[in-house]
Amino acid sequence: MEHASGGSFPDLERLERAAKNTFWDFIGCEIVDINEKQVVVAFDIQPHHLNLIGILHGGMHASVIDSAMGIIVMLARPGVSVVTVGLNMNYVAPSSEGRVVVSAELIHSSRKLITAQAYARKENGDLLAFGTGTFRVLDKPIPGS
């Protein structure tokens, strides 16, 4: 699959197919841009994304930030399974409508652990939340590969 960077990510097509009818699909995320250093995903805030006081639920931020980091990690280690073993979130500002754009990048990689960071922003660039994640590389192939 070709992306904005001009690079090719054949494993991404398989991941996109696997995401159909999953939580990722339900919450309405889409990949906006991808290259060797960064993944950008986005979603439009919907009523089911809000908490009881009418702002974007912190779990939604955490899910999308974790997912964006997971994509960049999976692309860095194609063909093997990775799982989140640590997620640290910081919530900066509330939002209740509009589009949220999340950018993720790798921070550190070793044989068994990978660390990434991600930032969730409004379309105008205002920071909403950010987080870091640690991912464990498993010695087993991704199901269906």
Protein backbone atom coordinates (compact mmCIF):
# COMPACT_ATOMS: atom_id res chain seq x y z
CA MET A 1 0.00 0.00 0.00
CA GLU A 2 1.36 3.43 -0.95
CA HIS A 3 1.04 6.31 1.47
CA ALA A 4 1.71 10.06 1.58
CA SER A 5 5.39 9.51 2.25
CA GLY A 6 5.72 7.57 -0.98
CA GLY A 7 6.74 4.52 1.04
CA SER A 8 5.17 1.11 0.78
CA PHE A 9 3.65 -0.71 3.76
CA PRO A 10 2.35 -4.07 2.53
CA ASP A 11 1.59 -5.23 6.09
CA LEU A 12 -0.78 -2.28 6.52
CA GLU A 13 -3.29 -3.68 4.02
CA ARG A 14 -3.58 -6.85 6.11
CA LEU A 15 -3.99 -4.78 9.28
CA GLU A 16 -6.70 -2.64 7.67
CA ARG A 17 -8.60 -5.76 6.59
CA ALA A 18 -8.25 -7.26 10.08
CA ALA A 19 -9.64 -4.06 11.65
CA LYS A 20 -13.00 -4.38 9.89
CA ASN A 21 -15.85 -4.94 12.37
CA THR A 22 -13.54 -4.50 15.39
CA PHE A 23 -13.41 -1.85 18.10
CA TRP A 24 -11.22 0.32 15.82
CA ASP A 25 -13.94 0.23 13.18
CA PHE A 26 -16.72 0.86 15.73
CA ILE A 27 -15.15 4.02 17.13
CA GLY A 28 -14.68 5.42 13.64
CA CYS A 29 -10.92 5.79 13.35
CA GLU A 30 -9.12 6.17 10.07
CA ILE A 31 -5.47 6.35 9.09
CA VAL A 32 -4.75 9.80 7.68
CA ASP A 33 -1.01 9.55 7.01
CA ILE A 34 1.75 7.09 7.59
CA ASN A 35 5.49 6.97 7.04
CA GLU A 36 8.48 5.27 8.61
CA LYS A 37 8.58 7.73 11.51
CA GLN A 38 4.95 8.62 12.21
CA VAL A 39 1.35 7.41 12.03
CA VAL A 40 -1.51 9.90 11.99
CA VAL A 41 -5.06 8.73 12.69
CA ALA A 42 -8.24 10.75 13.11
CA PHE A 43 -11.90 10.48 14.07
CA ASP A 44 -14.91 12.77 14.21
CA ILE A 45 -16.38 13.11 17.71
CA GLN A 46 -19.77 11.38 17.86
CA PRO A 47 -22.34 11.33 20.69
CA HIS A 48 -21.26 7.81 21.77
CA HIS A 49 -17.69 9.15 22.31
CA LEU A 50 -18.85 11.55 25.05
CA ASN A 51 -18.97 11.02 28.80
CA LEU A 52 -21.87 11.96 31.07
CA ILE A 53 -20.84 15.63 31.25
CA GLY A 54 -20.77 15.94 27.47
CA ILE A 55 -17.03 15.95 26.75
CA LEU A 56 -14.88 13.43 24.94
CA HIS A 57 -14.46 10.40 27.22
CA GLY A 58 -10.94 9.82 28.51
CA GLY A 59 -11.25 6.20 27.44
CA MET A 60 -11.72 7.35 23.87
CA HIS A 61 -8.50 9.37 24.06
CA ALA A 62 -6.70 6.38 25.56
CA SER A 63 -8.07 3.95 22.97
CA VAL A 64 -7.10 6.05 19.97
CA ILE A 65 -3.69 7.01 21.37
CA ASP A 66 -2.97 3.36 22.20
CA SER A 67 -4.16 2.27 18.75
CA ALA A 68 -2.07 4.87 16.89
CA MET A 69 1.03 3.86 18.83
CA GLY A 70 0.18 0.21 18.23
CA ILE A 71 0.11 0.76 14.47
CA ILE A 72 3.55 2.38 14.35
CA VAL A 73 4.91 -0.41 16.57
CA MET A 74 3.36 -3.14 14.40
CA LEU A 75 4.84 -1.56 11.29
CA ALA A 76 8.25 -1.43 12.98
CA ARG A 77 8.00 -5.19 13.75
CA PRO A 78 6.06 -6.71 10.84
CA GLY A 79 4.92 -10.29 11.09
CA VAL A 80 5.04 -10.66 14.89
CA SER A 81 2.48 -9.87 17.56
CA VAL A 82 2.91 -6.90 19.90
CA VAL A 83 0.83 -6.04 22.95
CA THR A 84 0.56 -2.97 25.15
CA VAL A 85 2.13 -3.58 28.56
CA GLY A 86 2.04 0.01 29.82
CA LEU A 87 0.01 3.09 28.93
CA ASN A 88 0.46 6.49 30.54
CA MET A 89 -2.11 9.19 29.72
CA ASN A 90 -2.24 12.94 30.31
CA TYR A 91 -5.45 14.86 29.68
CA VAL A 92 -4.94 18.53 28.88
CA ALA A 93 -8.19 20.06 27.59
CA PRO A 94 -11.80 19.01 27.02
CA SER A 95 -13.52 18.80 23.66
CA SER A 96 -17.07 17.89 22.71
CA GLU A 97 -17.23 18.26 18.94
CA GLY A 98 -15.14 18.30 15.81
CA ARG A 99 -12.30 16.18 14.51
CA VAL A 100 -9.49 14.76 16.64
CA VAL A 101 -6.13 14.04 15.02
CA VAL A 102 -3.65 11.74 16.77
CA SER A 103 0.01 11.48 15.76
CA ALA A 104 2.23 8.68 17.06
CA GLU A 105 5.95 8.00 16.80
CA LEU A 106 8.51 5.59 18.18
CA ILE A 107 10.73 6.71 21.06
CA HIS A 108 12.84 3.60 21.74
CA SER A 109 13.13 0.05 20.51
CA SER A 110 14.93 -2.98 21.90
CA ARG A 111 14.65 -6.66 21.08
CA LYS A 112 11.56 -7.24 23.26
CA LEU A 113 10.19 -3.79 24.20
CA ILE A 114 9.19 -0.77 22.14
CA THR A 115 8.18 2.62 23.53
CA ALA A 116 6.07 5.14 21.60
CA GLN A 117 4.40 8.49 22.22
CA ALA A 118 1.27 10.09 20.77
CA TYR A 119 -0.51 13.44 20.85
CA ALA A 120 -4.25 14.02 20.35
CA ARG A 121 -5.12 17.46 18.99
CA LYS A 122 -8.10 19.31 17.64
CA GLU A 123 -7.91 20.03 13.91
CA ASN A 124 -6.73 23.56 14.74
CA GLY A 125 -3.72 22.10 16.60
CA ASP A 126 -4.92 22.61 20.20
CA LEU A 127 -3.57 19.83 22.42
CA LEU A 128 -6.23 17.64 24.05
CA ALA A 129 -4.25 14.70 25.46
CA PHE A 130 -0.95 12.88 25.11
CA GLY A 131 0.46 9.58 26.19
CA THR A 132 3.28 7.09 26.09
CA GLY A 133 3.04 3.37 25.66
CA THR A 134 5.33 0.40 26.14
CA PHE A 135 4.76 -2.60 23.90
CA ARG A 136 6.04 -6.16 24.30
CA VAL A 137 7.19 -8.02 21.21
CA LEU A 138 5.86 -11.59 21.35
CA ASP A 139 7.58 -14.56 19.75
CA LYS A 140 4.48 -15.54 17.83
CA PRO A 141 3.21 -14.55 14.41
CA ILE A 142 0.13 -12.43 13.97
CA PRO A 143 -2.91 -14.70 13.42
CA GLY A 144 -3.76 -14.93 9.74
CA SER A 145 -0.30 -13.94 8.48
